[in-house]
């Protein structure tokens, strides 16, 4: 468990962006695709643990973890050593056509911690979107069915199959049609926005979202025997850090069992210990048929993994493959990442520190009129910003001002959903570092609230 204490906090030495950062930004504007989504002008140079240093020597606390990727912190020494060792032995031969021992080693490790009973089969890609693409193709191949169900607010990736499942922001799909056919989206149980009552109303609303599939969809427009899979995020990431209630997930499982449909869980952002368990779906007691993972699995190296029950991954050679997927350097990083998480007790730490942070922020909706909701599991926490608490009108501009102000004070947050501040630090973050970030976030919210 992390014990290092950082008393001083972030260290901002220059106006932001600094002179070196401005030079890089000018080059970026000249050469780099304008499709990237940058929230503020951070030009990173190095990182250690939670601290990221920019090209002008400013030190920030990274509470985005490179978008929930650097699970063991930036440049964890054991991960770095594993990468260096493997890079000195073998960088590439292509696991599509040849064999690597560490492909099997990682598969064995993942099989032991998979959120459903084995035996399992594992497919390696390079990213979360590739893990989703593999799951989509596998579901259609195995079931011989063409249709899939996904949810509004979902983000499953940007390649064409994954993009077709995505329903987070219009811009992600604008001018890319026609997309992959056969995808039907339905409402995700955002309890904060879906009901105004207590726990019983919330449960009824969540169950209604799931039962809509059988009560309406299967009776009007979609034949259940033609549905291959339901894709769901146990915690919507890009959609706003919205937690799927347990009854909802359990009802999805029952629907899938009833109709021979595969349940695919997207754990690309919520997995690898971020919520205090290896996989967020474990909080619900639901066992999926396929699980997709990436981001935190290799502490920053590009790796996507699709894990299924062995009987489901029944496709034959040539059905699907990837030249770089399962690269030996990336797998070495993943093996080291799993070692660090286990040795340093980061699952328990994530759960305990996340609970502490949520308690610190729990009173914000009563204290600040622009805070509508604080929610999360483990170190996956969202603070929803609103214009008005009664109408729950989204406060996207206010959220962006809060994120900008926090950056100016040395804390890196990102937005998600229409108007949520996402808090997803590396799993190695300490309580002192968390306190520093929460203090600055609260100051930013208070300042923006007064000026709203």
Protein backbone atom coordinates (compact mmCIF):
# COMPACT_ATOMS: atom_id res chain seq x y z
CA UNK A 1 0.00 0.00 0.00
CA UNK A 2 1.40 3.45 -0.89
CA UNK A 3 3.07 5.19 2.05
CA UNK A 4 4.93 8.06 0.41
CA UNK A 5 3.76 11.46 1.62
CA UNK A 6 3.95 14.60 -0.48
CA UNK A 7 3.44 17.63 1.73
CA UNK A 8 4.16 20.48 -0.66
CA UNK A 9 1.65 19.60 -3.38
CA UNK A 10 1.85 20.79 -6.99
CA UNK A 11 4.53 23.33 -7.94
CA UNK A 12 3.60 25.87 -10.60
CA UNK A 13 6.61 28.02 -11.50
CA UNK A 14 5.49 29.82 -14.66
CA UNK A 15 2.41 31.30 -16.21
CA UNK A 16 0.51 28.53 -18.01
CA UNK A 17 1.36 27.68 -20.66
CA UNK A 18 5.03 28.45 -20.12
CA UNK A 19 7.47 29.53 -22.85
CA UNK A 20 8.58 26.02 -23.79
CA UNK A 21 5.00 24.81 -23.77
CA UNK A 22 3.99 27.63 -26.11
CA UNK A 23 6.67 26.53 -28.58
CA UNK A 24 5.34 22.96 -28.57
CA UNK A 25 1.75 24.15 -28.87
CA UNK A 26 2.66 26.15 -31.97
CA UNK A 27 4.17 23.05 -33.57
CA UNK A 28 1.19 20.97 -32.57
CA UNK A 29 -1.15 23.47 -34.18
CA UNK A 30 0.89 23.26 -37.38
CA UNK A 31 1.32 19.50 -37.68
CA UNK A 32 -1.06 17.49 -35.48
CA UNK A 33 -4.60 16.37 -36.30
CA UNK A 34 -7.19 18.83 -34.99
CA UNK A 35 -9.45 15.91 -34.07
CA UNK A 36 -7.75 15.45 -30.69
CA UNK A 37 -9.66 16.72 -27.66
CA UNK A 38 -7.39 18.79 -25.41
CA UNK A 39 -8.89 20.40 -22.30
CA UNK A 40 -5.96 22.63 -21.38
CA UNK A 41 -2.36 23.26 -22.51
CA UNK A 42 -0.40 20.68 -20.54
CA UNK A 43 2.80 19.68 -22.36
CA UNK A 44 4.12 16.72 -20.41
CA UNK A 45 7.81 15.87 -20.22
CA UNK A 46 8.17 13.35 -17.40
CA UNK A 47 6.17 11.60 -14.72
CA UNK A 48 6.75 9.76 -11.46
CA UNK A 49 3.90 8.31 -9.48
CA UNK A 50 1.13 10.90 -9.37
CA UNK A 51 3.39 13.79 -10.41
CA UNK A 52 3.69 14.97 -14.01
CA UNK A 53 6.32 17.58 -14.89
CA UNK A 54 5.83 19.75 -17.97
CA UNK A 55 8.46 21.13 -20.36
CA UNK A 56 8.81 24.29 -18.24
CA UNK A 57 9.41 22.46 -14.96
CA UNK A 58 5.90 22.88 -13.55
CA UNK A 59 4.80 19.93 -11.43
CA UNK A 60 1.17 18.74 -11.49
CA UNK A 61 -0.76 16.05 -9.64
CA UNK A 62 -2.29 13.83 -12.30
CA UNK A 63 -5.82 12.96 -11.21
CA UNK A 64 -6.70 11.75 -14.70
CA UNK A 65 -4.02 9.00 -14.80
CA UNK A 66 -3.61 9.62 -18.51
CA UNK A 67 -7.36 8.91 -18.89
CA UNK A 68 -7.38 6.05 -16.35
CA UNK A 69 -4.36 4.37 -17.96
CA UNK A 70 -1.36 4.74 -15.62
CA UNK A 71 -2.81 2.45 -12.96
CA UNK A 72 0.51 1.96 -11.14
CA UNK A 73 1.45 5.62 -11.52
CA UNK A 74 3.77 7.18 -14.03
CA UNK A 75 6.95 5.19 -14.66
CA UNK A 76 6.61 2.72 -11.80
CA UNK A 77 10.15 1.31 -11.40
CA UNK A 78 9.04 -2.33 -11.64
CA UNK A 79 7.07 -1.67 -14.82
CA UNK A 80 9.94 0.32 -16.32
CA UNK A 81 12.39 -2.48 -15.49
CA UNK A 82 10.13 -5.08 -17.12
CA UNK A 83 9.82 -2.97 -20.28
CA UNK A 84 13.56 -2.38 -20.47
CA UNK A 85 14.38 -6.04 -19.95
CA UNK A 86 11.95 -7.24 -22.60
CA UNK A 87 12.98 -4.55 -25.09
CA UNK A 88 16.56 -5.82 -24.79
CA UNK A 89 15.51 -9.38 -25.61
CA UNK A 90 12.72 -9.26 -28.19
CA UNK A 91 10.51 -6.38 -29.30
CA UNK A 92 8.40 -8.01 -32.03
CA UNK A 93 7.75 -11.19 -33.99
CA UNK A 94 3.91 -10.96 -34.29
CA UNK A 95 1.81 -13.21 -32.11
CA UNK A 96 -0.59 -13.60 -35.04
CA UNK A 97 1.88 -15.86 -36.87
CA UNK A 98 4.34 -16.97 -34.20
CA UNK A 99 4.33 -17.73 -30.47
CA UNK A 100 5.43 -15.81 -27.37
CA UNK A 101 5.75 -17.43 -23.97
CA UNK A 102 4.58 -14.31 -22.17
CA UNK A 103 1.32 -14.29 -24.18
CA UNK A 104 0.48 -17.53 -22.38
CA UNK A 105 1.77 -16.25 -19.03
CA UNK A 106 -0.48 -13.19 -19.13
CA UNK A 107 -3.45 -15.27 -20.31
CA UNK A 108 -3.00 -17.57 -17.31
CA UNK A 109 -2.90 -14.57 -14.96
CA UNK A 110 -5.99 -12.98 -16.49
CA UNK A 111 -7.89 -16.25 -16.40
CA UNK A 112 -7.35 -16.42 -12.63
CA UNK A 113 -8.86 -12.96 -12.06
CA UNK A 114 -11.53 -12.98 -14.79
CA UNK A 115 -15.03 -12.01 -13.56
CA UNK A 116 -16.57 -15.27 -14.79
CA UNK A 117 -15.66 -18.93 -14.29
CA UNK A 118 -13.21 -20.59 -16.66
CA UNK A 119 -11.90 -22.08 -18.75
CA UNK A 120 -11.22 -18.92 -20.76
CA UNK A 121 -9.78 -17.89 -24.11
CA UNK A 122 -7.93 -14.60 -24.60
CA UNK A 123 -7.52 -12.36 -27.64
CA UNK A 124 -4.89 -9.57 -27.69
CA UNK A 125 -5.22 -6.24 -29.49
CA UNK A 126 -3.70 -2.80 -29.02
CA UNK A 127 -6.47 -0.72 -27.43
CA UNK A 128 -9.90 -0.65 -25.87
CA UNK A 129 -11.63 -0.07 -29.17
CA UNK A 130 -9.88 -3.12 -30.63
CA UNK A 131 -11.00 -5.20 -27.66
CA UNK A 132 -14.57 -4.11 -28.39
CA UNK A 133 -14.21 -4.80 -32.12
CA UNK A 134 -13.03 -8.32 -31.30
CA UNK A 135 -15.96 -8.87 -28.95
CA UNK A 136 -18.46 -7.62 -31.53
CA UNK A 137 -17.09 -9.88 -34.25
CA UNK A 138 -16.84 -12.83 -31.86
CA UNK A 139 -20.41 -12.42 -30.64
CA UNK A 140 -21.74 -12.42 -34.20
CA UNK A 141 -19.51 -15.33 -35.20
CA UNK A 142 -20.39 -17.53 -32.24
CA UNK A 143 -24.14 -16.89 -32.13
CA UNK A 144 -24.66 -16.61 -35.89
CA UNK A 145 -26.87 -13.60 -35.06
CA UNK A 146 -26.51 -10.12 -36.47
CA UNK A 147 -28.01 -7.64 -33.97
CA UNK A 148 -26.61 -6.13 -30.78
CA UNK A 149 -27.98 -3.87 -28.04
CA UNK A 150 -26.02 -1.01 -26.46
CA UNK A 151 -26.89 2.01 -24.32
CA UNK A 152 -27.23 5.75 -24.67
CA UNK A 153 -24.27 7.45 -23.02
CA UNK A 154 -21.98 4.56 -23.88
CA UNK A 155 -18.47 5.03 -25.19
CA UNK A 156 -16.96 1.87 -26.67
CA UNK A 157 -14.37 3.35 -29.03
CA UNK A 158 -13.85 5.14 -32.34
CA UNK A 159 -13.19 2.42 -34.93
CA UNK A 160 -16.27 1.74 -37.01
CA UNK A 161 -17.70 -1.23 -35.14
CA UNK A 162 -16.99 0.22 -31.70
CA UNK A 163 -18.19 3.63 -32.89
CA UNK A 164 -21.48 2.08 -33.93
CA UNK A 165 -21.95 0.91 -30.32
CA UNK A 166 -20.95 4.33 -28.97
CA UNK A 167 -23.69 6.81 -28.09
CA UNK A 168 -21.95 9.43 -26.00
CA UNK A 169 -21.62 12.61 -28.09
CA UNK A 170 -22.92 13.46 -31.58
CA UNK A 171 -19.51 14.76 -32.68
CA UNK A 172 -18.02 11.29 -32.31
CA UNK A 173 -20.29 10.07 -35.13
CA UNK A 174 -20.85 13.20 -37.18
CA UNK A 175 -20.09 12.73 -40.90
CA UNK A 176 -18.93 9.11 -40.47
CA UNK A 177 -22.14 7.36 -41.56
CA UNK A 178 -23.08 4.81 -42.67
CA UNK A 179 -22.05 2.99 -39.54
CA UNK A 180 -22.17 -0.75 -38.88
CA UNK A 181 -25.83 -1.80 -39.02
CA UNK A 182 -27.67 -3.91 -36.48
CA UNK A 183 -27.10 -1.79 -33.35
CA UNK A 184 -30.04 -0.68 -31.18
CA UNK A 185 -29.50 1.79 -28.33
CA UNK A 186 -31.69 2.04 -25.24
CA UNK A 187 -31.64 4.10 -22.05
CA UNK A 188 -28.91 3.49 -19.46
CA UNK A 189 -30.07 3.77 -15.82
CA UNK A 190 -28.65 7.15 -14.84
CA UNK A 191 -30.38 7.14 -11.46
CA UNK A 192 -29.49 10.77 -10.70
CA UNK A 193 -31.40 11.98 -13.74
CA UNK A 194 -33.98 9.22 -13.99
CA UNK A 195 -35.80 9.52 -10.68
CA UNK A 196 -36.43 12.01 -7.90
CA UNK A 197 -37.34 9.62 -5.10
CA UNK A 198 -35.37 7.42 -2.74
CA UNK A 199 -33.68 4.01 -3.16
CA UNK A 200 -36.91 2.19 -4.04
CA UNK A 201 -37.67 4.61 -6.87
CA UNK A 202 -34.07 4.32 -8.09
CA UNK A 203 -34.28 0.54 -8.16
CA UNK A 204 -37.61 0.63 -9.98
CA UNK A 205 -36.21 3.03 -12.57
CA UNK A 206 -33.11 0.87 -13.12
CA UNK A 207 -35.19 -2.27 -13.50
CA UNK A 208 -37.46 -0.45 -15.94
CA UNK A 209 -34.48 0.36 -18.16
CA UNK A 210 -33.53 -3.32 -18.32
CA UNK A 211 -37.07 -4.66 -18.67
CA UNK A 212 -37.70 -2.31 -21.58
CA UNK A 213 -35.75 -4.82 -23.66
CA UNK A 214 -38.32 -7.57 -23.21
CA UNK A 215 -41.39 -5.47 -22.50
CA UNK A 216 -41.02 -3.24 -25.57
CA UNK A 217 -38.03 -3.92 -27.78
CA UNK A 218 -38.55 -7.65 -28.24
CA UNK A 219 -42.30 -7.16 -28.72
CA UNK A 220 -42.09 -4.43 -31.33
CA UNK A 221 -38.91 -4.09 -33.36
CA UNK A 222 -36.21 -6.63 -32.47
CA UNK A 223 -36.54 -10.41 -32.54
CA UNK A 224 -34.65 -11.81 -29.52
CA UNK A 225 -33.45 -14.84 -31.48
CA UNK A 226 -31.59 -12.42 -33.78
CA UNK A 227 -29.72 -10.59 -30.98
CA UNK A 228 -26.11 -11.69 -30.55
CA UNK A 229 -25.07 -9.60 -27.55
CA UNK A 230 -25.78 -6.82 -25.11
CA UNK A 231 -22.80 -4.48 -24.60
CA UNK A 232 -22.75 -2.59 -21.31
CA UNK A 233 -20.32 -0.59 -19.17
CA UNK A 234 -20.73 -1.46 -15.46
CA UNK A 235 -19.69 2.16 -14.90
CA UNK A 236 -20.11 4.44 -17.89
CA UNK A 237 -16.81 6.26 -18.37
CA UNK A 238 -17.06 8.89 -21.08
CA UNK A 239 -20.79 8.92 -20.38
CA UNK A 240 -20.25 10.61 -17.01
CA UNK A 241 -18.99 8.05 -14.45
CA UNK A 242 -22.50 6.69 -14.05
CA UNK A 243 -22.80 3.45 -12.06
CA UNK A 244 -25.11 0.71 -13.30
CA UNK A 245 -27.28 -0.40 -10.35
CA UNK A 246 -26.95 -4.04 -9.34
CA UNK A 247 -30.61 -4.97 -10.08
CA UNK A 248 -30.19 -3.59 -13.61
CA UNK A 249 -27.10 -5.69 -14.27
CA UNK A 250 -28.75 -8.78 -12.80
CA UNK A 251 -31.81 -8.31 -15.00
CA UNK A 252 -29.58 -7.99 -18.08
CA UNK A 253 -27.98 -11.30 -17.13
CA UNK A 254 -31.42 -12.95 -16.79
CA UNK A 255 -32.55 -11.59 -20.16
CA UNK A 256 -29.39 -12.88 -21.84
CA UNK A 257 -29.77 -16.32 -20.28
CA UNK A 258 -33.43 -16.47 -21.28
CA UNK A 259 -32.76 -15.73 -24.96
CA UNK A 260 -29.27 -17.14 -25.60
CA UNK A 261 -27.74 -13.66 -25.83
CA UNK A 262 -24.13 -12.94 -24.83
CA UNK A 263 -23.49 -10.35 -22.11
CA UNK A 264 -20.40 -8.31 -22.95
CA UNK A 265 -19.03 -5.96 -20.29
CA UNK A 266 -16.77 -3.07 -21.30
CA UNK A 267 -14.22 -2.72 -18.49
CA UNK A 268 -11.80 -0.66 -20.57
CA UNK A 269 -11.95 2.26 -18.12
CA UNK A 270 -13.51 0.68 -15.03
CA UNK A 271 -11.31 -2.41 -14.83
CA UNK A 272 -7.91 -3.40 -13.44
CA UNK A 273 -8.65 -2.35 -9.86
CA UNK A 274 -10.01 1.13 -10.49
CA UNK A 275 -13.21 0.54 -8.52
CA UNK A 276 -11.59 -1.41 -5.68
CA UNK A 277 -12.09 -4.80 -7.32
CA UNK A 278 -10.36 -6.20 -10.36
CA UNK A 279 -13.50 -5.57 -12.40
CA UNK A 280 -16.38 -3.20 -11.72
CA UNK A 281 -18.92 -5.86 -12.69
CA UNK A 282 -17.85 -7.85 -9.61
CA UNK A 283 -19.66 -5.30 -7.42
CA UNK A 284 -22.93 -6.58 -8.91
CA UNK A 285 -22.33 -10.32 -8.62
CA UNK A 286 -23.01 -10.68 -12.35
CA UNK A 287 -20.85 -12.99 -14.46
CA UNK A 288 -20.43 -11.83 -18.09
CA UNK A 289 -19.75 -13.99 -21.11
CA UNK A 290 -17.10 -11.67 -22.53
CA UNK A 291 -15.09 -8.91 -20.86
CA UNK A 292 -13.10 -6.22 -22.69
CA UNK A 293 -10.14 -4.52 -21.00
CA UNK A 294 -7.34 -2.10 -21.90
CA UNK A 295 -6.21 1.24 -20.39
CA UNK A 296 -4.83 0.34 -16.93
CA UNK A 297 -3.80 -3.22 -17.84
CA UNK A 298 -0.27 -2.28 -18.93
CA UNK A 299 0.36 1.02 -17.11
CA UNK A 300 0.58 3.07 -20.30
CA UNK A 301 1.72 0.57 -22.91
CA UNK A 302 -0.80 -0.12 -25.70
CA UNK A 303 -2.65 -3.34 -24.99
CA UNK A 304 -6.28 -4.37 -25.38
CA UNK A 305 -7.60 -7.73 -24.23
CA UNK A 306 -10.82 -9.61 -24.95
CA UNK A 307 -11.52 -12.46 -22.53
CA UNK A 308 -14.37 -14.90 -23.11
CA UNK A 309 -15.58 -18.21 -21.85
CA UNK A 310 -13.58 -20.76 -23.83
CA UNK A 311 -16.59 -22.31 -25.55
CA UNK A 312 -17.56 -18.91 -26.99
CA UNK A 313 -14.22 -18.18 -28.68
CA UNK A 314 -14.80 -20.86 -31.31
CA UNK A 315 -13.69 -19.02 -34.42
CA UNK A 316 -11.11 -20.60 -36.71
CA UNK A 317 -7.68 -19.32 -37.84
CA UNK A 318 -7.97 -16.20 -39.99
CA UNK A 319 -11.27 -15.08 -38.47
CA UNK A 320 -9.60 -12.26 -36.55
CA UNK A 321 -6.03 -11.23 -35.78
CA UNK A 322 -3.67 -8.31 -35.06
CA UNK A 323 -0.07 -7.78 -36.15
CA UNK A 324 0.95 -5.85 -33.04
CA UNK A 325 -1.64 -7.14 -30.56
CA UNK A 326 0.02 -8.92 -27.68
CA UNK A 327 3.37 -7.28 -28.37
CA UNK A 328 5.93 -8.84 -25.97
CA UNK A 329 6.99 -5.48 -24.51
CA UNK A 330 3.38 -4.54 -23.78
CA UNK A 331 2.68 -7.93 -22.22
CA UNK A 332 5.79 -7.61 -20.04
CA UNK A 333 4.40 -4.29 -18.81
CA UNK A 334 1.03 -5.92 -18.11
CA UNK A 335 2.58 -8.75 -16.13
CA UNK A 336 4.55 -6.23 -14.06
CA UNK A 337 1.39 -4.13 -13.58
CA UNK A 338 -0.51 -7.10 -12.16
CA UNK A 339 2.46 -7.88 -9.89
CA UNK A 340 2.54 -4.33 -8.54
CA UNK A 341 -1.22 -4.20 -7.94
CA UNK A 342 -1.09 -7.46 -6.01
CA UNK A 343 2.13 -6.82 -4.05
CA UNK A 344 1.20 -3.27 -3.04
CA UNK A 345 -2.39 -4.15 -2.14
CA UNK A 346 -3.79 -1.59 -4.55
CA UNK A 347 -7.26 -3.16 -4.79
CA UNK A 348 -7.92 -2.61 -1.09
CA UNK A 349 -6.17 0.76 -1.23
CA UNK A 350 -8.33 1.91 -4.12
CA UNK A 351 -11.49 0.90 -2.28
CA UNK A 352 -10.45 2.51 1.01
CA UNK A 353 -9.09 5.76 -0.40
CA UNK A 354 -12.00 6.09 -2.80
CA UNK A 355 -14.43 5.74 0.09
CA UNK A 356 -12.53 8.39 2.02
CA UNK A 357 -12.62 10.79 -0.93
CA UNK A 358 -16.34 10.25 -1.50
CA UNK A 359 -17.04 11.00 2.16
CA UNK A 360 -15.05 14.23 1.92
CA UNK A 361 -17.10 15.34 -1.07
CA UNK A 362 -20.49 13.96 -0.04
CA UNK A 363 -21.70 17.30 1.33
CA UNK A 364 -20.87 19.34 -1.76
CA UNK A 365 -24.39 19.23 -3.32
CA UNK A 366 -25.77 20.83 -0.15
CA UNK A 367 -22.90 23.30 0.06
CA UNK A 368 -22.52 24.41 -3.56
CA UNK A 369 -25.50 25.14 -5.77
CA UNK A 370 -23.70 24.05 -8.94
CA UNK A 371 -22.87 20.54 -7.66
CA UNK A 372 -25.70 18.21 -8.57
CA UNK A 373 -24.25 14.84 -7.63
CA UNK A 374 -21.12 13.12 -6.32
CA UNK A 375 -20.86 9.44 -7.21
CA UNK A 376 -18.33 6.73 -7.76
CA UNK A 377 -16.68 3.48 -6.76
CA UNK A 378 -13.09 3.23 -5.66
CA UNK A 379 -10.91 5.68 -7.55
CA UNK A 380 -13.50 6.27 -10.26
CA UNK A 381 -15.41 9.30 -8.98
CA UNK A 382 -17.58 11.81 -10.80
CA UNK A 383 -18.73 15.24 -9.64
CA UNK A 384 -21.68 16.40 -11.74
CA UNK A 385 -21.91 20.14 -12.30
CA UNK A 386 -25.31 21.69 -12.97
CA UNK A 387 -26.74 25.14 -13.66
CA UNK A 388 -29.69 24.47 -11.41
CA UNK A 389 -30.11 21.67 -8.88
CA UNK A 390 -33.90 21.54 -9.26
CA UNK A 391 -33.97 21.21 -13.04
CA UNK A 392 -30.64 19.32 -13.13
CA UNK A 393 -29.71 21.35 -16.21
CA UNK A 394 -26.23 20.43 -17.40
CA UNK A 395 -23.46 22.87 -16.53
CA UNK A 396 -20.87 22.02 -19.18
CA UNK A 397 -19.38 25.52 -19.32
CA UNK A 398 -19.15 25.69 -15.52
CA UNK A 399 -17.51 22.26 -15.46
CA UNK A 400 -14.93 23.33 -18.01
CA UNK A 401 -14.11 26.46 -15.98
CA UNK A 402 -13.62 24.30 -12.87
CA UNK A 403 -11.29 21.93 -14.72
CA UNK A 404 -9.33 24.88 -16.13
CA UNK A 405 -8.96 26.54 -12.73
CA UNK A 406 -7.78 23.28 -11.15
CA UNK A 407 -5.17 22.97 -13.92
CA UNK A 408 -3.93 26.49 -13.18
CA UNK A 409 -3.46 25.38 -9.56
CA UNK A 410 -1.61 22.20 -10.52
CA UNK A 411 -4.24 19.45 -10.54
CA UNK A 412 -5.09 17.55 -13.72
CA UNK A 413 -8.74 16.60 -14.00
CA UNK A 414 -10.75 15.87 -17.12
CA UNK A 415 -14.41 16.18 -17.92
CA UNK A 416 -16.72 13.36 -18.94
CA UNK A 417 -20.38 13.11 -19.81
CA UNK A 418 -22.27 16.32 -20.49
CA UNK A 419 -21.04 18.10 -17.35
CA UNK A 420 -19.10 15.83 -14.98
CA UNK A 421 -15.61 16.28 -13.53
CA UNK A 422 -13.94 12.87 -13.53
CA UNK A 423 -11.54 11.93 -10.75
CA UNK A 424 -9.38 8.93 -11.66
CA UNK A 425 -5.88 9.16 -10.15
CA UNK A 426 -3.30 6.38 -10.36
CA UNK A 427 -4.05 3.57 -7.91
CA UNK A 428 -0.85 4.44 -6.03
CA UNK A 429 -2.14 7.87 -4.97
CA UNK A 430 -1.71 8.64 -1.26
CA UNK A 431 -4.20 10.22 1.13
CA UNK A 432 -2.12 13.41 1.31
CA UNK A 433 -2.12 13.70 -2.48
CA UNK A 434 -5.86 13.05 -2.55
CA UNK A 435 -6.46 15.73 0.09
CA UNK A 436 -4.44 18.25 -1.92
CA UNK A 437 -6.44 17.51 -5.07
CA UNK A 438 -9.81 17.65 -3.29
CA UNK A 439 -8.88 20.95 -1.64
CA UNK A 440 -8.05 22.52 -5.00
CA UNK A 441 -11.14 21.04 -6.66
CA UNK A 442 -13.35 22.42 -3.91
CA UNK A 443 -11.73 25.85 -4.16
CA UNK A 444 -12.28 25.78 -7.92
CA UNK A 445 -15.93 24.83 -7.50
CA UNK A 446 -16.47 27.53 -4.86
CA UNK A 447 -14.88 30.21 -7.04
CA UNK A 448 -16.79 29.25 -10.16
CA UNK A 449 -20.02 28.94 -8.17
CA UNK A 450 -19.70 32.50 -6.87
CA UNK A 451 -19.17 33.81 -10.38
CA UNK A 452 -21.89 31.75 -12.01
